[in-house]
Amino acid sequence: MQQIGPKVFLIMCKNLVFGKKTGIELGAEAVGNIKNLLKDKIRPIDAATTSFGQGLSVTPLQMIMSYAAIANQGVL
């Protein structure tokens, strides 16, 4: 997080479908929570905790999709 910066980290999270619906046909799909990254000024503690997963929440499906993207050389 310190090397790439909070703005690039936010872009990466959005590209991995964190914080929004995945698009599958489930009526009760949750979106997760990346509010700490959407602030105008991200606090250093939020940047640090988010980088190892404590400052955001994702659904199991979003986590699986992110691993699939890593396994497919970045293709989601």
PDB file of N, CA and C in Angstrom:
ATOM      1  N   MET A   1       0.828  -1.180   0.000  1.00  0.00           N
ATOM      2  CA  MET A   1       0.000   0.000   0.000  1.00  0.00           C
ATOM      3  C   MET A   1       0.877   1.250   0.000  1.00  0.00           C
ATOM      4  N   GLN A   2       1.953   1.239   0.772  1.00  0.00           N
ATOM      5  CA  GLN A   2       2.827   2.410   0.818  1.00  0.00           C
ATOM      6  C   GLN A   2       3.548   2.609  -0.515  1.00  0.00           C
ATOM      7  N   GLN A   3       3.878   1.533  -1.194  1.00  0.00           N
ATOM      8  CA  GLN A   3       4.612   1.652  -2.456  1.00  0.00           C
ATOM      9  C   GLN A   3       3.729   2.119  -3.600  1.00  0.00           C
ATOM     10  N   ILE A   4       2.489   1.619  -3.679  1.00  0.00           N
ATOM     11  CA  ILE A   4       1.636   1.993  -4.807  1.00  0.00           C
ATOM     12  C   ILE A   4       0.745   3.188  -4.508  1.00  0.00           C
ATOM     13  N   GLY A   5       0.502   3.471  -3.238  1.00  0.00           N
ATOM     14  CA  GLY A   5      -0.321   4.606  -2.846  1.00  0.00           C
ATOM     15  C   GLY A   5      -1.796   4.248  -2.742  1.00  0.00           C
ATOM     16  N   PRO A   6      -2.534   5.020  -1.966  1.00  0.00           N
ATOM     17  CA  PRO A   6      -3.938   4.703  -1.720  1.00  0.00           C
ATOM     18  C   PRO A   6      -4.827   4.820  -2.950  1.00  0.00           C
ATOM     19  N   LYS A   7      -4.536   5.740  -3.860  1.00  0.00           N
ATOM     20  CA  LYS A   7      -5.378   5.907  -5.047  1.00  0.00           C
ATOM     21  C   LYS A   7      -5.275   4.697  -5.969  1.00  0.00           C
ATOM     22  N   VAL A   8      -4.060   4.216  -6.197  1.00  0.00           N
ATOM     23  CA  VAL A   8      -3.871   3.028  -7.045  1.00  0.00           C
ATOM     24  C   VAL A   8      -4.466   1.801  -6.359  1.00  0.00           C
ATOM     25  N   PHE A   9      -4.320   1.713  -5.039  1.00  0.00           N
ATOM     26  CA  PHE A   9      -4.898   0.593  -4.298  1.00  0.00           C
ATOM     27  C   PHE A   9      -6.417   0.595  -4.432  1.00  0.00           C
ATOM     28  N   LEU A  10      -7.039   1.767  -4.375  1.00  0.00           N
ATOM     29  CA  LEU A  10      -8.486   1.877  -4.557  1.00  0.00           C
ATOM     30  C   LEU A  10      -8.887   1.418  -5.955  1.00  0.00           C
ATOM     31  N   ILE A  11      -8.154   1.825  -6.956  1.00  0.00           N
ATOM     32  CA  ILE A  11      -8.444   1.402  -8.332  1.00  0.00           C
ATOM     33  C   ILE A  11      -8.352  -0.111  -8.449  1.00  0.00           C
ATOM     34  N   MET A  12      -7.341  -0.698  -7.825  1.00  0.00           N
ATOM     35  CA  MET A  12      -7.184  -2.151  -7.874  1.00  0.00           C
ATOM     36  C   MET A  12      -8.353  -2.851  -7.175  1.00  0.00           C
ATOM     37  N   CYS A  13      -8.782  -2.327  -6.048  1.00  0.00           N
ATOM     38  CA  CYS A  13      -9.924  -2.912  -5.337  1.00  0.00           C
ATOM     39  C   CYS A  13     -11.190  -2.825  -6.173  1.00  0.00           C
ATOM     40  N   LYS A  14     -11.386  -1.699  -6.832  1.00  0.00           N
ATOM     41  CA  LYS A  14     -12.566  -1.547  -7.684  1.00  0.00           C
ATOM     42  C   LYS A  14     -12.500  -2.480  -8.880  1.00  0.00           C
ATOM     43  N   ASN A  15     -11.314  -2.661  -9.455  1.00  0.00           N
ATOM     44  CA  ASN A  15     -11.158  -3.580 -10.585  1.00  0.00           C
ATOM     45  C   ASN A  15     -11.424  -5.027 -10.184  1.00  0.00           C
ATOM     46  N   LEU A  16     -11.202  -5.343  -8.920  1.00  0.00           N
ATOM     47  CA  LEU A  16     -11.473  -6.698  -8.428  1.00  0.00           C
ATOM     48  C   LEU A  16     -12.912  -6.842  -7.930  1.00  0.00           C
ATOM     49  N   VAL A  17     -13.762  -5.877  -8.227  1.00  0.00           N
ATOM     50  CA  VAL A  17     -15.201  -5.890  -7.911  1.00  0.00           C
ATOM     51  C   VAL A  17     -15.450  -5.796  -6.409  1.00  0.00           C
ATOM     52  N   PHE A  18     -14.524  -5.250  -5.644  1.00  0.00           N
ATOM     53  CA  PHE A  18     -14.773  -5.029  -4.219  1.00  0.00           C
ATOM     54  C   PHE A  18     -15.636  -3.778  -4.078  1.00  0.00           C
ATOM     55  N   GLY A  19     -16.638  -3.839  -3.240  1.00  0.00           N
ATOM     56  CA  GLY A  19     -17.492  -2.683  -2.986  1.00  0.00           C
ATOM     57  C   GLY A  19     -18.647  -2.513  -3.942  1.00  0.00           C
ATOM     58  N   LYS A  20     -18.869  -3.472  -4.836  1.00  0.00           N
ATOM     59  CA  LYS A  20     -20.016  -3.421  -5.734  1.00  0.00           C
ATOM     60  C   LYS A  20     -20.478  -4.835  -6.051  1.00  0.00           C
ATOM     61  N   LYS A  21     -21.639  -4.941  -6.633  1.00  0.00           N
ATOM     62  CA  LYS A  21     -22.171  -6.264  -6.956  1.00  0.00           C
ATOM     63  C   LYS A  21     -21.370  -6.898  -8.085  1.00  0.00           C
ATOM     64  N   THR A  22     -21.292  -8.223  -8.070  1.00  0.00           N
ATOM     65  CA  THR A  22     -20.499  -8.942  -9.064  1.00  0.00           C
ATOM     66  C   THR A  22     -21.221  -9.119 -10.388  1.00  0.00           C
ATOM     67  N   GLY A  23     -22.541  -9.016 -10.363  1.00  0.00           N
ATOM     68  CA  GLY A  23     -23.298  -9.159 -11.594  1.00  0.00           C
ATOM     69  C   GLY A  23     -23.949 -10.516 -11.774  1.00  0.00           C
ATOM     70  N   ILE A  24     -23.784 -11.402 -10.802  1.00  0.00           N
ATOM     71  CA  ILE A  24     -24.470 -12.683 -10.914  1.00  0.00           C
ATOM     72  C   ILE A  24     -25.926 -12.497 -10.519  1.00  0.00           C
ATOM     73  N   GLU A  25     -26.751 -13.425 -10.853  1.00  0.00           N
ATOM     74  CA  GLU A  25     -28.188 -13.283 -10.638  1.00  0.00           C
ATOM     75  C   GLU A  25     -28.608 -13.790  -9.261  1.00  0.00           C
ATOM     76  N   LEU A  26     -28.238 -13.050  -8.250  1.00  0.00           N
ATOM     77  CA  LEU A  26     -28.675 -13.318  -6.890  1.00  0.00           C
ATOM     78  C   LEU A  26     -29.372 -12.068  -6.364  1.00  0.00           C
ATOM     79  N   GLY A  27     -30.601 -12.228  -5.921  1.00  0.00           N
ATOM     80  CA  GLY A  27     -31.355 -11.076  -5.455  1.00  0.00           C
ATOM     81  C   GLY A  27     -30.804 -10.458  -4.192  1.00  0.00           C
ATOM     82  N   ALA A  28     -30.212 -11.237  -3.327  1.00  0.00           N
ATOM     83  CA  ALA A  28     -29.746 -10.737  -2.031  1.00  0.00           C
ATOM     84  C   ALA A  28     -28.227 -10.633  -1.957  1.00  0.00           C
ATOM     85  N   GLU A  29     -27.589 -10.373  -3.073  1.00  0.00           N
ATOM     86  CA  GLU A  29     -26.127 -10.288  -3.073  1.00  0.00           C
ATOM     87  C   GLU A  29     -25.658  -9.048  -2.317  1.00  0.00           C
ATOM     88  N   ALA A  30     -24.700  -9.216  -1.439  1.00  0.00           N
ATOM     89  CA  ALA A  30     -24.108  -8.100  -0.695  1.00  0.00           C
ATOM     90  C   ALA A  30     -23.002  -7.465  -1.534  1.00  0.00           C
ATOM     91  N   VAL A  31     -22.639  -6.240  -1.197  1.00  0.00           N
ATOM     92  CA  VAL A  31     -21.616  -5.544  -1.970  1.00  0.00           C
ATOM     93  C   VAL A  31     -20.279  -5.439  -1.249  1.00  0.00           C
ATOM     94  N   GLY A  32     -20.244  -5.731   0.021  1.00  0.00           N
ATOM     95  CA  GLY A  32     -19.012  -5.547   0.781  1.00  0.00           C
ATOM     96  C   GLY A  32     -18.881  -4.096   1.214  1.00  0.00           C
ATOM     97  N   ASN A  33     -17.740  -3.750   1.793  1.00  0.00           N
ATOM     98  CA  ASN A  33     -17.564  -2.411   2.343  1.00  0.00           C
ATOM     99  C   ASN A  33     -16.130  -1.951   2.120  1.00  0.00           C
ATOM    100  N   ILE A  34     -15.959  -0.926   1.308  1.00  0.00           N
ATOM    101  CA  ILE A  34     -14.631  -0.322   1.106  1.00  0.00           C
ATOM    102  C   ILE A  34     -14.685   1.169   1.419  1.00  0.00           C
ATOM    103  N   LYS A  35     -15.547   1.566   2.356  1.00  0.00           N
ATOM    104  CA  LYS A  35     -15.738   2.986   2.692  1.00  0.00           C
ATOM    105  C   LYS A  35     -14.450   3.672   3.128  1.00  0.00           C
ATOM    106  N   ASN A  36     -13.574   2.963   3.801  1.00  0.00           N
ATOM    107  CA  ASN A  36     -12.318   3.581   4.258  1.00  0.00           C
ATOM    108  C   ASN A  36     -11.467   4.067   3.091  1.00  0.00           C
ATOM    109  N   LEU A  37     -11.607   3.435   1.934  1.00  0.00           N
ATOM    110  CA  LEU A  37     -10.807   3.823   0.772  1.00  0.00           C
ATOM    111  C   LEU A  37     -11.466   4.913  -0.054  1.00  0.00           C
ATOM    112  N   LEU A  38     -12.735   5.192   0.189  1.00  0.00           N
ATOM    113  CA  LEU A  38     -13.469   6.161  -0.617  1.00  0.00           C
ATOM    114  C   LEU A  38     -13.425   7.581  -0.054  1.00  0.00           C
ATOM    115  N   LYS A  39     -12.762   7.772   1.058  1.00  0.00           N
ATOM    116  CA  LYS A  39     -12.651   9.099   1.669  1.00  0.00           C
ATOM    117  C   LYS A  39     -11.736   9.986   0.832  1.00  0.00           C
ATOM    118  N   ASP A  40     -11.934  11.304   0.939  1.00  0.00           N
ATOM    119  CA  ASP A  40     -11.058  12.237   0.225  1.00  0.00           C
ATOM    120  C   ASP A  40      -9.615  12.126   0.706  1.00  0.00           C
ATOM    121  N   LYS A  41      -9.448  12.020   2.010  1.00  0.00           N
ATOM    122  CA  LYS A  41      -8.109  11.876   2.607  1.00  0.00           C
ATOM    123  C   LYS A  41      -8.095  10.576   3.400  1.00  0.00           C
ATOM    124  N   ILE A  42      -7.362   9.603   2.918  1.00  0.00           N
ATOM    125  CA  ILE A  42      -7.284   8.311   3.595  1.00  0.00           C
ATOM    126  C   ILE A  42      -6.278   8.427   4.734  1.00  0.00           C
ATOM    127  N   ARG A  43      -6.726   8.100   5.939  1.00  0.00           N
ATOM    128  CA  ARG A  43      -5.836   8.172   7.103  1.00  0.00           C
ATOM    129  C   ARG A  43      -4.777   7.075   7.015  1.00  0.00           C
ATOM    130  N   PRO A  44      -3.571   7.313   7.525  1.00  0.00           N
ATOM    131  CA  PRO A  44      -2.507   6.304   7.475  1.00  0.00           C
ATOM    132  C   PRO A  44      -2.911   4.985   8.135  1.00  0.00           C
ATOM    133  N   ILE A  45      -3.689   5.044   9.219  1.00  0.00           N
ATOM    134  CA  ILE A  45      -4.096   3.804   9.880  1.00  0.00           C
ATOM    135  C   ILE A  45      -5.055   3.010   8.998  1.00  0.00           C
ATOM    136  N   ASP A  46      -5.938   3.701   8.267  1.00  0.00           N
ATOM    137  CA  ASP A  46      -6.848   3.011   7.347  1.00  0.00           C
ATOM    138  C   ASP A  46      -6.081   2.374   6.194  1.00  0.00           C
ATOM    139  N   ALA A  47      -5.086   3.085   5.679  1.00  0.00           N
ATOM    140  CA  ALA A  47      -4.264   2.534   4.603  1.00  0.00           C
ATOM    141  C   ALA A  47      -3.520   1.285   5.070  1.00  0.00           C
ATOM    142  N   ALA A  48      -2.981   1.340   6.268  1.00  0.00           N
ATOM    143  CA  ALA A  48      -2.222   0.203   6.792  1.00  0.00           C
ATOM    144  C   ALA A  48      -3.117  -1.005   7.039  1.00  0.00           C
ATOM    145  N   THR A  49      -4.239  -0.806   7.705  1.00  0.00           N
ATOM    146  CA  THR A  49      -5.091  -1.954   8.031  1.00  0.00           C
ATOM    147  C   THR A  49      -5.785  -2.526   6.801  1.00  0.00           C
ATOM    148  N   THR A  50      -6.139  -1.668   5.856  1.00  0.00           N
ATOM    149  CA  THR A  50      -6.788  -2.152   4.640  1.00  0.00           C
ATOM    150  C   THR A  50      -5.840  -3.016   3.823  1.00  0.00           C
ATOM    151  N   SER A  51      -4.562  -2.703   3.846  1.00  0.00           N
ATOM    152  CA  SER A  51      -3.605  -3.453   3.032  1.00  0.00           C
ATOM    153  C   SER A  51      -3.501  -4.916   3.445  1.00  0.00           C
ATOM    154  N   PHE A  52      -3.843  -5.240   4.692  1.00  0.00           N
ATOM    155  CA  PHE A  52      -3.840  -6.657   5.066  1.00  0.00           C
ATOM    156  C   PHE A  52      -5.231  -7.174   5.394  1.00  0.00           C
ATOM    157  N   GLY A  53      -6.266  -6.443   4.969  1.00  0.00           N
ATOM    158  CA  GLY A  53      -7.614  -6.978   4.990  1.00  0.00           C
ATOM    159  C   GLY A  53      -8.497  -6.609   6.152  1.00  0.00           C
ATOM    160  N   GLN A  54      -8.060  -5.743   7.065  1.00  0.00           N
ATOM    161  CA  GLN A  54      -8.907  -5.408   8.195  1.00  0.00           C
ATOM    162  C   GLN A  54      -9.712  -4.137   7.985  1.00  0.00           C
ATOM    163  N   GLY A  55      -9.432  -3.364   6.997  1.00  0.00           N
ATOM    164  CA  GLY A  55     -10.143  -2.114   6.798  1.00  0.00           C
ATOM    165  C   GLY A  55     -11.219  -2.189   5.740  1.00  0.00           C
ATOM    166  N   LEU A  56     -11.511  -3.376   5.249  1.00  0.00           N
ATOM    167  CA  LEU A  56     -12.542  -3.543   4.254  1.00  0.00           C
ATOM    168  C   LEU A  56     -13.215  -4.895   4.450  1.00  0.00           C
ATOM    169  N   SER A  57     -14.372  -5.046   3.859  1.00  0.00           N
ATOM    170  CA  SER A  57     -15.029  -6.351   3.896  1.00  0.00           C
ATOM    171  C   SER A  57     -15.470  -6.706   2.483  1.00  0.00           C
ATOM    172  N   VAL A  58     -15.296  -7.947   2.141  1.00  0.00           N
ATOM    173  CA  VAL A  58     -15.713  -8.443   0.836  1.00  0.00           C
ATOM    174  C   VAL A  58     -16.516  -9.717   1.045  1.00  0.00           C
ATOM    175  N   THR A  59     -17.290 -10.064   0.051  1.00  0.00           N
ATOM    176  CA  THR A  59     -18.073 -11.291   0.135  1.00  0.00           C
ATOM    177  C   THR A  59     -17.192 -12.471  -0.276  1.00  0.00           C
ATOM    178  N   PRO A  60     -17.583 -13.683   0.092  1.00  0.00           N
ATOM    179  CA  PRO A  60     -16.804 -14.846  -0.348  1.00  0.00           C
ATOM    180  C   PRO A  60     -16.691 -14.928  -1.872  1.00  0.00           C
ATOM    181  N   LEU A  61     -17.755 -14.573  -2.577  1.00  0.00           N
ATOM    182  CA  LEU A  61     -17.712 -14.603  -4.036  1.00  0.00           C
ATOM    183  C   LEU A  61     -16.706 -13.587  -4.581  1.00  0.00           C
ATOM    184  N   GLN A  62     -16.662 -12.404  -3.995  1.00  0.00           N
ATOM    185  CA  GLN A  62     -15.687 -11.408  -4.430  1.00  0.00           C
ATOM    186  C   GLN A  62     -14.265 -11.889  -4.173  1.00  0.00           C
ATOM    187  N   MET A  63     -14.045 -12.557  -3.060  1.00  0.00           N
ATOM    188  CA  MET A  63     -12.711 -13.078  -2.753  1.00  0.00           C
ATOM    189  C   MET A  63     -12.317 -14.172  -3.746  1.00  0.00           C
ATOM    190  N   ILE A  64     -13.240 -15.046  -4.063  1.00  0.00           N
ATOM    191  CA  ILE A  64     -12.964 -16.105  -5.038  1.00  0.00           C
ATOM    192  C   ILE A  64     -12.650 -15.498  -6.395  1.00  0.00           C
ATOM    193  N   MET A  65     -13.412 -14.469  -6.784  1.00  0.00           N
ATOM    194  CA  MET A  65     -13.163 -13.818  -8.071  1.00  0.00           C
ATOM    195  C   MET A  65     -11.789 -13.156  -8.110  1.00  0.00           C
ATOM    196  N   SER A  66     -11.340 -12.595  -6.994  1.00  0.00           N
ATOM    197  CA  SER A  66     -10.018 -11.962  -6.976  1.00  0.00           C
ATOM    198  C   SER A  66      -8.910 -13.009  -7.121  1.00  0.00           C
ATOM    199  N   TYR A  67      -9.074 -14.158  -6.463  1.00  0.00           N
ATOM    200  CA  TYR A  67      -8.094 -15.238  -6.623  1.00  0.00           C
ATOM    201  C   TYR A  67      -8.099 -15.771  -8.050  1.00  0.00           C
ATOM    202  N   ALA A  68      -9.279 -15.856  -8.660  1.00  0.00           N
ATOM    203  CA  ALA A  68      -9.372 -16.320 -10.047  1.00  0.00           C
ATOM    204  C   ALA A  68      -8.647 -15.354 -10.985  1.00  0.00           C
ATOM    205  N   ALA A  69      -8.778 -14.062 -10.722  1.00  0.00           N
ATOM    206  CA  ALA A  69      -8.080 -13.066 -11.553  1.00  0.00           C
ATOM    207  C   ALA A  69      -6.570 -13.207 -11.416  1.00  0.00           C
ATOM    208  N   ILE A  70      -6.105 -13.460 -10.209  1.00  0.00           N
ATOM    209  CA  ILE A  70      -4.661 -13.657 -10.007  1.00  0.00           C
ATOM    210  C   ILE A  70      -4.187 -14.910 -10.728  1.00  0.00           C
ATOM    211  N   ALA A  71      -4.971 -15.972 -10.638  1.00  0.00           N
ATOM    212  CA  ALA A  71      -4.609 -17.230 -11.302  1.00  0.00           C
ATOM    213  C   ALA A  71      -4.638 -17.113 -12.814  1.00  0.00           C
ATOM    214  N   ASN A  72      -5.455 -16.203 -13.345  1.00  0.00           N
ATOM    215  CA  ASN A  72      -5.579 -16.019 -14.793  1.00  0.00           C
ATOM    216  C   ASN A  72      -4.747 -14.847 -15.307  1.00  0.00           C
ATOM    217  N   GLN A  73      -3.636 -14.548 -14.656  1.00  0.00           N
ATOM    218  CA  GLN A  73      -2.716 -13.486 -15.045  1.00  0.00           C
ATOM    219  C   GLN A  73      -3.419 -12.129 -15.164  1.00  0.00           C
ATOM    220  N   GLY A  74      -4.337 -11.840 -14.232  1.00  0.00           N
ATOM    221  CA  GLY A  74      -4.979 -10.526 -14.188  1.00  0.00           C
ATOM    222  C   GLY A  74      -6.286 -10.411 -14.928  1.00  0.00           C
ATOM    223  N   VAL A  75      -6.726 -11.480 -15.580  1.00  0.00           N
ATOM    224  CA  VAL A  75      -7.999 -11.442 -16.312  1.00  0.00           C
ATOM    225  C   VAL A  75      -9.112 -11.899 -15.383  1.00  0.00           C
ATOM    226  N   LEU A  76     -10.102 -11.029 -15.182  1.00  0.00           N
ATOM    227  CA  LEU A  76     -11.227 -11.360 -14.295  1.00  0.00           C
ATOM    228  C   LEU A  76     -12.293 -12.063 -15.086  1.00  0.00           C
TER     229      LEU A  76
END
